[in-house]
Amino acid sequence: MEYKKALYEWIYILPALTTLVILFIFPLFFNFWISFQEKLLGKEAVFVGLKNYIKVFNSPILYISLLNTFIYAFTAVFFKTLIGLSVALFLNMKFRGRGFLRGLAILPWALPMYVICVLFWLNYDAKGTFNNLLRLFGLKPIHWLGLDYAMPSVILINVWHGWPFFFMGILAGLQAVPIELYESAEIDGASSFRKFIHITLPFIKPVILTVALLSLMWTMGDFTTIYMMTSGGPVDKTLTIPMASFQIAFFREVDIPLAAAYTIVILPIYIILIFITLKQMV
């Protein structure tokens, strides 16, 4: 009977296990394996040891793209947290029409990224909405995707698209805060700020950390926004790790094993971020 029970349990988890192996574990191990090879088109792969990794660490592109990735991801996540938290606190209050506003707030996140990029591309134009607003206030128009403003411009797109994810997560966390705690605090004469610091924030801290970690990893791996808006330019100003890996694989060196080594380098950073976040949740 015990044998049959164990067999049934394995049958139940087999579809999930198979999916995990095919979609995650196999591509990861293949990427790791190819990073130690030299593979020319139409020829067999040849083991070259750490040659690709030595080349990666000696390349200035690694450090430029790492710095750009950190600036892009951490700045975007900071603003997404700030906006998501503010809107969640506002829409957690009871007032007429908050259901409609909650639905409206999710709209940016529901739109496909390529649609958002096209919209912002039109608005970033010399005669687009943003420059027309600057002219309205007597300011000179700027080149939004030029050398000086390319990074802030792509960060703005990422923030605009991603803050509703924070809003939804934090709002769900706010719903779980016991109302009795607020009532007790009011009896003790606590101000709104003290209630937020000592009641609300400790309750929603795990939610904020979770959505921030997920968003940070997604933003560090974001390819669509950079590719559609700047392709890593101008002059590598928005060259992030995913964009650099793509260029190395298909344009610069045309070397897929080298590009694979490039993507493996960022894995320890992901693992460190996960451990730091989990430690903060304890």
C-alpha atoms as a PDB file:
ATOM      1  CA  MET A   1       0.000   0.000   0.000  1.00  0.00           C
ATOM      2  CA  GLU A   2       2.850   2.369   0.875  1.00  0.00           C
ATOM      3  CA  TYR A   3       4.461   1.642  -2.492  1.00  0.00           C
ATOM      4  CA  LYS A   4       1.222   2.458  -4.342  1.00  0.00           C
ATOM      5  CA  LYS A   5       0.745   5.659  -2.343  1.00  0.00           C
ATOM      6  CA  ALA A   6       4.256   6.836  -3.203  1.00  0.00           C
ATOM      7  CA  LEU A   7       3.680   5.938  -6.853  1.00  0.00           C
ATOM      8  CA  TYR A   8       0.444   7.968  -6.978  1.00  0.00           C
ATOM      9  CA  GLU A   9       2.201  10.948  -5.402  1.00  0.00           C
ATOM     10  CA  TRP A  10       4.910  10.862  -8.068  1.00  0.00           C
ATOM     11  CA  ILE A  11       2.275  10.560 -10.823  1.00  0.00           C
ATOM     12  CA  TYR A  12       0.528  13.662  -9.490  1.00  0.00           C
ATOM     13  CA  ILE A  13       3.668  15.801  -9.502  1.00  0.00           C
ATOM     14  CA  LEU A  14       5.069  14.331 -12.755  1.00  0.00           C
ATOM     15  CA  PRO A  15       3.479  16.979 -15.097  1.00  0.00           C
ATOM     16  CA  ALA A  16       4.830  19.860 -12.987  1.00  0.00           C
ATOM     17  CA  LEU A  17       8.232  18.182 -12.668  1.00  0.00           C
ATOM     18  CA  THR A  18       8.438  17.531 -16.423  1.00  0.00           C
ATOM     19  CA  THR A  19       7.505  21.146 -17.193  1.00  0.00           C
ATOM     20  CA  LEU A  20      10.130  22.399 -14.739  1.00  0.00           C
ATOM     21  CA  VAL A  21      12.848  20.244 -16.299  1.00  0.00           C
ATOM     22  CA  ILE A  22      11.962  21.128 -19.924  1.00  0.00           C
ATOM     23  CA  LEU A  23      11.373  24.865 -19.467  1.00  0.00           C
ATOM     24  CA  PHE A  24      13.881  25.750 -16.749  1.00  0.00           C
ATOM     25  CA  ILE A  25      16.488  23.165 -15.753  1.00  0.00           C
ATOM     26  CA  PHE A  26      17.409  21.890 -19.231  1.00  0.00           C
ATOM     27  CA  PRO A  27      17.876  25.396 -20.814  1.00  0.00           C
ATOM     28  CA  LEU A  28      19.887  26.507 -17.776  1.00  0.00           C
ATOM     29  CA  PHE A  29      22.233  23.528 -17.904  1.00  0.00           C
ATOM     30  CA  PHE A  30      22.553  23.808 -21.695  1.00  0.00           C
ATOM     31  CA  ASN A  31      23.452  27.495 -21.320  1.00  0.00           C
ATOM     32  CA  PHE A  32      26.031  26.560 -18.661  1.00  0.00           C
ATOM     33  CA  TRP A  33      27.465  23.772 -20.862  1.00  0.00           C
ATOM     34  CA  ILE A  34      27.713  25.903 -24.029  1.00  0.00           C
ATOM     35  CA  SER A  35      29.521  28.652 -22.080  1.00  0.00           C
ATOM     36  CA  PHE A  36      32.544  26.307 -21.802  1.00  0.00           C
ATOM     37  CA  GLN A  37      32.577  25.539 -25.539  1.00  0.00           C
ATOM     38  CA  GLU A  38      33.731  27.129 -28.751  1.00  0.00           C
ATOM     39  CA  LYS A  39      31.045  26.657 -31.360  1.00  0.00           C
ATOM     40  CA  LEU A  40      31.368  27.803 -34.936  1.00  0.00           C
ATOM     41  CA  LEU A  41      28.349  27.689 -37.221  1.00  0.00           C
ATOM     42  CA  GLY A  42      28.014  24.246 -38.835  1.00  0.00           C
ATOM     43  CA  LYS A  43      30.817  22.706 -36.740  1.00  0.00           C
ATOM     44  CA  GLU A  44      30.974  20.589 -33.592  1.00  0.00           C
ATOM     45  CA  ALA A  45      31.336  22.292 -30.211  1.00  0.00           C
ATOM     46  CA  VAL A  46      34.870  22.166 -28.769  1.00  0.00           C
ATOM     47  CA  PHE A  47      35.563  22.344 -25.011  1.00  0.00           C
ATOM     48  CA  VAL A  48      37.699  25.437 -24.233  1.00  0.00           C
ATOM     49  CA  GLY A  49      37.460  25.551 -20.423  1.00  0.00           C
ATOM     50  CA  LEU A  50      37.324  29.041 -18.908  1.00  0.00           C
ATOM     51  CA  LYS A  51      38.369  30.826 -22.118  1.00  0.00           C
ATOM     52  CA  ASN A  52      34.949  32.483 -22.613  1.00  0.00           C
ATOM     53  CA  TYR A  53      34.758  33.603 -18.966  1.00  0.00           C
ATOM     54  CA  ILE A  54      38.297  35.092 -19.101  1.00  0.00           C
ATOM     55  CA  LYS A  55      37.248  36.979 -22.226  1.00  0.00           C
ATOM     56  CA  VAL A  56      34.073  38.210 -20.533  1.00  0.00           C
ATOM     57  CA  PHE A  57      35.886  39.487 -17.404  1.00  0.00           C
ATOM     58  CA  ASN A  58      38.522  41.234 -19.561  1.00  0.00           C
ATOM     59  CA  SER A  59      35.853  42.998 -21.594  1.00  0.00           C
ATOM     60  CA  PRO A  60      34.911  46.584 -20.632  1.00  0.00           C
ATOM     61  CA  ILE A  61      31.419  45.858 -21.963  1.00  0.00           C
ATOM     62  CA  LEU A  62      30.742  43.661 -18.906  1.00  0.00           C
ATOM     63  CA  TYR A  63      31.348  46.490 -16.431  1.00  0.00           C
ATOM     64  CA  ILE A  64      29.484  49.090 -18.522  1.00  0.00           C
ATOM     65  CA  SER A  65      26.465  46.827 -18.932  1.00  0.00           C
ATOM     66  CA  LEU A  66      26.518  45.748 -15.264  1.00  0.00           C
ATOM     67  CA  LEU A  67      26.532  49.374 -14.109  1.00  0.00           C
ATOM     68  CA  ASN A  68      23.731  50.251 -16.539  1.00  0.00           C
ATOM     69  CA  THR A  69      21.724  47.216 -15.398  1.00  0.00           C
ATOM     70  CA  PHE A  70      22.011  48.242 -11.739  1.00  0.00           C
ATOM     71  CA  ILE A  71      21.105  51.883 -12.484  1.00  0.00           C
ATOM     72  CA  TYR A  72      18.155  50.813 -14.641  1.00  0.00           C
ATOM     73  CA  ALA A  73      16.793  48.146 -12.281  1.00  0.00           C
ATOM     74  CA  PHE A  74      17.325  49.732  -8.852  1.00  0.00           C
ATOM     75  CA  THR A  75      16.106  53.203  -9.898  1.00  0.00           C
ATOM     76  CA  ALA A  76      13.005  51.766 -11.578  1.00  0.00           C
ATOM     77  CA  VAL A  77      12.178  49.494  -8.626  1.00  0.00           C
ATOM     78  CA  PHE A  78      12.622  52.377  -6.162  1.00  0.00           C
ATOM     79  CA  PHE A  79      10.097  54.549  -7.989  1.00  0.00           C
ATOM     80  CA  LYS A  80       7.721  51.656  -8.626  1.00  0.00           C
ATOM     81  CA  THR A  81       7.721  50.873  -4.889  1.00  0.00           C
ATOM     82  CA  LEU A  82       7.112  54.501  -3.994  1.00  0.00           C
ATOM     83  CA  ILE A  83       4.255  54.986  -6.470  1.00  0.00           C
ATOM     84  CA  GLY A  84       2.723  51.544  -5.849  1.00  0.00           C
ATOM     85  CA  LEU A  85       2.729  52.074  -2.065  1.00  0.00           C
ATOM     86  CA  SER A  86       1.264  55.603  -2.308  1.00  0.00           C
ATOM     87  CA  VAL A  87      -1.538  54.565  -4.661  1.00  0.00           C
ATOM     88  CA  ALA A  88      -2.303  51.415  -2.619  1.00  0.00           C
ATOM     89  CA  LEU A  89      -2.629  53.461   0.584  1.00  0.00           C
ATOM     90  CA  PHE A  90      -4.881  55.947  -1.195  1.00  0.00           C
ATOM     91  CA  LEU A  91      -7.108  53.324  -2.820  1.00  0.00           C
ATOM     92  CA  ASN A  92      -7.335  51.355   0.446  1.00  0.00           C
ATOM     93  CA  MET A  93      -9.369  54.200   1.896  1.00  0.00           C
ATOM     94  CA  LYS A  94     -13.148  54.017   1.661  1.00  0.00           C
ATOM     95  CA  PHE A  95     -14.659  56.473  -0.815  1.00  0.00           C
ATOM     96  CA  ARG A  96     -17.059  56.418  -3.720  1.00  0.00           C
ATOM     97  CA  GLY A  97     -15.549  55.280  -7.023  1.00  0.00           C
ATOM     98  CA  ARG A  98     -12.484  53.531  -5.582  1.00  0.00           C
ATOM     99  CA  GLY A  99     -13.437  50.282  -7.380  1.00  0.00           C
ATOM    100  CA  PHE A 100     -13.315  52.070 -10.733  1.00  0.00           C
ATOM    101  CA  LEU A 101     -10.000  53.724  -9.853  1.00  0.00           C
ATOM    102  CA  ARG A 102      -8.530  50.368  -8.777  1.00  0.00           C
ATOM    103  CA  GLY A 103      -9.438  48.909 -12.187  1.00  0.00           C
ATOM    104  CA  LEU A 104      -8.039  51.951 -13.971  1.00  0.00           C
ATOM    105  CA  ALA A 105      -4.756  51.701 -12.027  1.00  0.00           C
ATOM    106  CA  ILE A 106      -4.062  48.213 -13.404  1.00  0.00           C
ATOM    107  CA  LEU A 107      -4.359  49.369 -17.029  1.00  0.00           C
ATOM    108  CA  PRO A 108      -0.640  50.216 -17.631  1.00  0.00           C
ATOM    109  CA  TRP A 109       0.401  46.759 -16.422  1.00  0.00           C
ATOM    110  CA  ALA A 110      -2.218  45.077 -18.634  1.00  0.00           C
ATOM    111  CA  LEU A 111      -0.875  46.616 -21.835  1.00  0.00           C
ATOM    112  CA  PRO A 112       1.775  44.655 -23.800  1.00  0.00           C
ATOM    113  CA  MET A 113       5.260  46.116 -23.496  1.00  0.00           C
ATOM    114  CA  TYR A 114       5.693  46.651 -27.238  1.00  0.00           C
ATOM    115  CA  VAL A 115       2.493  48.745 -27.325  1.00  0.00           C
ATOM    116  CA  ILE A 116       3.796  50.904 -24.469  1.00  0.00           C
ATOM    117  CA  CYS A 117       7.135  51.338 -26.245  1.00  0.00           C
ATOM    118  CA  VAL A 118       5.388  52.529 -29.427  1.00  0.00           C
ATOM    119  CA  LEU A 119       3.264  54.983 -27.410  1.00  0.00           C
ATOM    120  CA  PHE A 120       6.290  56.408 -25.620  1.00  0.00           C
ATOM    121  CA  TRP A 121       8.294  56.488 -28.871  1.00  0.00           C
ATOM    122  CA  LEU A 122       5.652  58.808 -30.348  1.00  0.00           C
ATOM    123  CA  ASN A 123       5.534  60.942 -27.187  1.00  0.00           C
ATOM    124  CA  TYR A 124       9.351  61.205 -27.042  1.00  0.00           C
ATOM    125  CA  ASP A 125       9.421  62.588 -30.589  1.00  0.00           C
ATOM    126  CA  ALA A 126      10.667  66.145 -31.196  1.00  0.00           C
ATOM    127  CA  LYS A 127       7.038  67.167 -31.775  1.00  0.00           C
ATOM    128  CA  GLY A 128       5.601  64.699 -29.270  1.00  0.00           C
ATOM    129  CA  THR A 129       3.596  65.314 -26.090  1.00  0.00           C
ATOM    130  CA  PHE A 130       6.539  65.662 -23.708  1.00  0.00           C
ATOM    131  CA  ASN A 131       8.326  68.309 -25.777  1.00  0.00           C
ATOM    132  CA  ASN A 132       5.045  70.143 -26.354  1.00  0.00           C
ATOM    133  CA  LEU A 133       4.597  70.270 -22.563  1.00  0.00           C
ATOM    134  CA  LEU A 134       8.115  71.696 -22.183  1.00  0.00           C
ATOM    135  CA  ARG A 135       7.350  74.369 -24.805  1.00  0.00           C
ATOM    136  CA  LEU A 136       4.100  75.155 -22.951  1.00  0.00           C
ATOM    137  CA  PHE A 137       6.151  76.046 -19.847  1.00  0.00           C
ATOM    138  CA  GLY A 138       8.647  78.063 -21.895  1.00  0.00           C
ATOM    139  CA  LEU A 139      11.364  75.382 -21.815  1.00  0.00           C
ATOM    140  CA  LYS A 140      13.466  74.094 -24.696  1.00  0.00           C
ATOM    141  CA  PRO A 141      12.584  70.681 -26.185  1.00  0.00           C
ATOM    142  CA  ILE A 142      15.045  67.871 -25.447  1.00  0.00           C
ATOM    143  CA  HIS A 143      16.172  64.715 -27.224  1.00  0.00           C
ATOM    144  CA  TRP A 144      14.560  62.170 -24.893  1.00  0.00           C
ATOM    145  CA  LEU A 145      16.466  59.217 -26.314  1.00  0.00           C
ATOM    146  CA  GLY A 146      19.726  61.127 -26.784  1.00  0.00           C
ATOM    147  CA  LEU A 147      23.009  60.795 -24.904  1.00  0.00           C
ATOM    148  CA  ASP A 148      21.908  62.668 -21.771  1.00  0.00           C
ATOM    149  CA  TYR A 149      18.325  61.460 -21.338  1.00  0.00           C
ATOM    150  CA  ALA A 150      18.220  57.937 -22.778  1.00  0.00           C
ATOM    151  CA  MET A 151      18.579  56.125 -19.433  1.00  0.00           C
ATOM    152  CA  PRO A 152      15.989  58.246 -17.536  1.00  0.00           C
ATOM    153  CA  SER A 153      13.620  57.858 -20.511  1.00  0.00           C
ATOM    154  CA  VAL A 154      13.738  54.040 -20.547  1.00  0.00           C
ATOM    155  CA  ILE A 155      13.466  53.994 -16.728  1.00  0.00           C
ATOM    156  CA  LEU A 156      10.312  56.133 -17.017  1.00  0.00           C
ATOM    157  CA  ILE A 157       8.766  53.566 -19.371  1.00  0.00           C
ATOM    158  CA  ASN A 158       9.606  50.698 -17.035  1.00  0.00           C
ATOM    159  CA  VAL A 159       8.171  52.576 -14.040  1.00  0.00           C
ATOM    160  CA  TRP A 160       4.984  53.499 -15.913  1.00  0.00           C
ATOM    161  CA  HIS A 161       4.424  49.883 -16.926  1.00  0.00           C
ATOM    162  CA  GLY A 162       5.473  48.220 -13.663  1.00  0.00           C
ATOM    163  CA  TRP A 163       4.093  50.237 -10.743  1.00  0.00           C
ATOM    164  CA  PRO A 164       0.594  48.614 -10.862  1.00  0.00           C
ATOM    165  CA  PHE A 165       2.249  45.279  -9.964  1.00  0.00           C
ATOM    166  CA  PHE A 166       3.429  46.861  -6.713  1.00  0.00           C
ATOM    167  CA  PHE A 167       0.046  48.490  -6.208  1.00  0.00           C
ATOM    168  CA  MET A 168      -1.813  45.175  -6.519  1.00  0.00           C
ATOM    169  CA  GLY A 169       0.549  43.297  -4.186  1.00  0.00           C
ATOM    170  CA  ILE A 170       0.636  45.991  -1.518  1.00  0.00           C
ATOM    171  CA  LEU A 171      -3.140  46.543  -1.669  1.00  0.00           C
ATOM    172  CA  ALA A 172      -3.653  42.810  -1.058  1.00  0.00           C
ATOM    173  CA  GLY A 173      -1.294  43.082   1.927  1.00  0.00           C
ATOM    174  CA  LEU A 174      -3.188  46.073   3.301  1.00  0.00           C
ATOM    175  CA  GLN A 175      -6.445  44.105   3.233  1.00  0.00           C
ATOM    176  CA  ALA A 176      -4.887  41.603   5.658  1.00  0.00           C
ATOM    177  CA  VAL A 177      -4.006  44.158   8.363  1.00  0.00           C
ATOM    178  CA  PRO A 178      -6.406  43.600  11.334  1.00  0.00           C
ATOM    179  CA  ILE A 179      -8.694  46.623  11.772  1.00  0.00           C
ATOM    180  CA  GLU A 180      -8.682  46.071  15.566  1.00  0.00           C
ATOM    181  CA  LEU A 181      -5.052  47.218  15.726  1.00  0.00           C
ATOM    182  CA  TYR A 182      -5.953  50.586  14.189  1.00  0.00           C
ATOM    183  CA  GLU A 183      -8.897  50.965  16.579  1.00  0.00           C
ATOM    184  CA  SER A 184      -6.648  50.259  19.604  1.00  0.00           C
ATOM    185  CA  ALA A 185      -4.055  52.727  18.300  1.00  0.00           C
ATOM    186  CA  GLU A 186      -6.719  55.416  17.873  1.00  0.00           C
ATOM    187  CA  ILE A 187      -7.849  54.905  21.474  1.00  0.00           C
ATOM    188  CA  ASP A 188      -4.212  55.427  22.552  1.00  0.00           C
ATOM    189  CA  GLY A 189      -4.122  58.637  20.505  1.00  0.00           C
ATOM    190  CA  ALA A 190      -1.619  57.466  17.871  1.00  0.00           C
ATOM    191  CA  SER A 191      -1.216  59.725  14.834  1.00  0.00           C
ATOM    192  CA  SER A 192      -1.699  58.468  11.255  1.00  0.00           C
ATOM    193  CA  PHE A 193       2.075  58.488  10.724  1.00  0.00           C
ATOM    194  CA  ARG A 194       2.724  56.370  13.846  1.00  0.00           C
ATOM    195  CA  LYS A 195      -0.018  53.927  12.820  1.00  0.00           C
ATOM    196  CA  PHE A 196       1.646  53.576   9.408  1.00  0.00           C
ATOM    197  CA  ILE A 197       5.136  53.040  10.888  1.00  0.00           C
ATOM    198  CA  HIS A 198       4.183  50.673  13.731  1.00  0.00           C
ATOM    199  CA  ILE A 199       1.185  48.780  12.293  1.00  0.00           C
ATOM    200  CA  THR A 200       0.867  49.037   8.517  1.00  0.00           C
ATOM    201  CA  LEU A 201       4.512  48.856   7.500  1.00  0.00           C
ATOM    202  CA  PRO A 202       5.458  45.741   9.577  1.00  0.00           C
ATOM    203  CA  PHE A 203       2.427  43.888   8.174  1.00  0.00           C
ATOM    204  CA  ILE A 204       3.074  44.714   4.510  1.00  0.00           C
ATOM    205  CA  LYS A 205       6.893  44.488   4.695  1.00  0.00           C
ATOM    206  CA  PRO A 206       7.018  40.850   3.434  1.00  0.00           C
ATOM    207  CA  VAL A 207       4.721  41.792   0.528  1.00  0.00           C
ATOM    208  CA  ILE A 208       6.837  44.815  -0.411  1.00  0.00           C
ATOM    209  CA  LEU A 209      10.043  42.755  -0.269  1.00  0.00           C
ATOM    210  CA  THR A 210       8.534  39.969  -2.372  1.00  0.00           C
ATOM    211  CA  VAL A 211       7.193  42.199  -5.145  1.00  0.00           C
ATOM    212  CA  ALA A 212      10.396  44.277  -5.076  1.00  0.00           C
ATOM    213  CA  LEU A 213      12.567  41.168  -5.461  1.00  0.00           C
ATOM    214  CA  LEU A 214      10.454  39.808  -8.323  1.00  0.00           C
ATOM    215  CA  SER A 215      10.362  43.175 -10.047  1.00  0.00           C
ATOM    216  CA  LEU A 216      14.108  43.663  -9.560  1.00  0.00           C
ATOM    217  CA  MET A 217      14.914  40.371 -11.271  1.00  0.00           C
ATOM    218  CA  TRP A 218      12.424  41.027 -14.087  1.00  0.00           C
ATOM    219  CA  THR A 219      13.786  44.545 -14.602  1.00  0.00           C
ATOM    220  CA  MET A 220      17.398  43.339 -14.640  1.00  0.00           C
ATOM    221  CA  GLY A 221      16.361  40.842 -17.321  1.00  0.00           C
ATOM    222  CA  ASP A 222      14.201  43.308 -19.270  1.00  0.00           C
ATOM    223  CA  PHE A 223      15.088  43.138 -22.951  1.00  0.00           C
ATOM    224  CA  THR A 224      12.031  44.468 -24.796  1.00  0.00           C
ATOM    225  CA  THR A 225      12.112  48.052 -23.517  1.00  0.00           C
ATOM    226  CA  ILE A 226      15.805  48.613 -24.207  1.00  0.00           C
ATOM    227  CA  TYR A 227      15.747  46.838 -27.562  1.00  0.00           C
ATOM    228  CA  MET A 228      12.708  48.737 -28.873  1.00  0.00           C
ATOM    229  CA  MET A 229      13.683  52.182 -27.588  1.00  0.00           C
ATOM    230  CA  THR A 230      17.493  52.443 -27.868  1.00  0.00           C
ATOM    231  CA  SER A 231      19.010  49.009 -28.705  1.00  0.00           C
ATOM    232  CA  GLY A 232      21.571  49.722 -25.979  1.00  0.00           C
ATOM    233  CA  GLY A 233      22.623  53.128 -27.316  1.00  0.00           C
ATOM    234  CA  PRO A 234      23.457  55.849 -27.745  1.00  0.00           C
ATOM    235  CA  VAL A 235      27.145  55.013 -27.150  1.00  0.00           C
ATOM    236  CA  ASP A 236      26.244  52.119 -24.793  1.00  0.00           C
ATOM    237  CA  LYS A 237      24.419  54.506 -22.429  1.00  0.00           C
ATOM    238  CA  THR A 238      21.549  52.010 -22.021  1.00  0.00           C
ATOM    239  CA  LEU A 239      23.485  48.821 -22.702  1.00  0.00           C
ATOM    240  CA  THR A 240      22.267  46.358 -20.049  1.00  0.00           C
ATOM    241  CA  ILE A 241      23.307  42.724 -19.554  1.00  0.00           C
ATOM    242  CA  PRO A 242      20.463  41.198 -21.673  1.00  0.00           C
ATOM    243  CA  MET A 243      21.085  43.702 -24.490  1.00  0.00           C
ATOM    244  CA  ALA A 244      24.858  43.177 -24.383  1.00  0.00           C
ATOM    245  CA  SER A 245      24.410  39.403 -24.466  1.00  0.00           C
ATOM    246  CA  PHE A 246      22.116  39.710 -27.486  1.00  0.00           C
ATOM    247  CA  GLN A 247      24.570  41.947 -29.331  1.00  0.00           C
ATOM    248  CA  ILE A 248      27.512  39.631 -28.574  1.00  0.00           C
ATOM    249  CA  ALA A 249      25.535  36.617 -29.820  1.00  0.00           C
ATOM    250  CA  PHE A 250      24.285  38.137 -33.069  1.00  0.00           C
ATOM    251  CA  PHE A 251      26.117  41.391 -33.929  1.00  0.00           C
ATOM    252  CA  ARG A 252      29.403  42.223 -32.191  1.00  0.00           C
ATOM    253  CA  GLU A 253      31.376  38.948 -31.866  1.00  0.00           C
ATOM    254  CA  VAL A 254      28.657  36.653 -33.309  1.00  0.00           C
ATOM    255  CA  ASP A 255      29.683  34.215 -30.572  1.00  0.00           C
ATOM    256  CA  ILE A 256      26.861  32.341 -28.805  1.00  0.00           C
ATOM    257  CA  PRO A 257      29.067  30.522 -26.219  1.00  0.00           C
ATOM    258  CA  LEU A 258      30.572  33.878 -25.229  1.00  0.00           C
ATOM    259  CA  ALA A 259      27.082  35.357 -24.892  1.00  0.00           C
ATOM    260  CA  ALA A 260      26.079  32.347 -22.768  1.00  0.00           C
ATOM    261  CA  ALA A 261      29.036  32.987 -20.435  1.00  0.00           C
ATOM    262  CA  TYR A 262      27.889  36.591 -20.244  1.00  0.00           C
ATOM    263  CA  THR A 263      24.446  35.570 -18.972  1.00  0.00           C
ATOM    264  CA  ILE A 264      25.897  33.095 -16.455  1.00  0.00           C
ATOM    265  CA  VAL A 265      27.977  35.864 -14.844  1.00  0.00           C
ATOM    266  CA  ILE A 266      24.831  37.616 -13.577  1.00  0.00           C
ATOM    267  CA  LEU A 267      23.401  34.482 -11.910  1.00  0.00           C
ATOM    268  CA  PRO A 268      25.353  34.897  -8.611  1.00  0.00           C
ATOM    269  CA  ILE A 269      23.933  38.443  -8.341  1.00  0.00           C
ATOM    270  CA  TYR A 270      20.401  37.043  -8.582  1.00  0.00           C
ATOM    271  CA  ILE A 271      21.165  34.444  -5.892  1.00  0.00           C
ATOM    272  CA  ILE A 272      22.660  37.087  -3.563  1.00  0.00           C
ATOM    273  CA  LEU A 273      19.580  39.301  -4.009  1.00  0.00           C
ATOM    274  CA  ILE A 274      17.279  36.375  -3.181  1.00  0.00           C
ATOM    275  CA  PHE A 275      19.213  35.509   0.003  1.00  0.00           C
ATOM    276  CA  ILE A 276      19.328  39.141   1.168  1.00  0.00           C
ATOM    277  CA  THR A 277      15.579  39.524   0.631  1.00  0.00           C
ATOM    278  CA  LEU A 278      14.723  36.254   2.369  1.00  0.00           C
ATOM    279  CA  LYS A 279      16.910  37.241   5.322  1.00  0.00           C
ATOM    280  CA  GLN A 280      15.024  40.542   5.643  1.00  0.00           C
ATOM    281  CA  MET A 281      11.722  38.658   5.769  1.00  0.00           C
ATOM    282  CA  VAL A 282      12.722  36.606   8.847  1.00  0.00           C
END
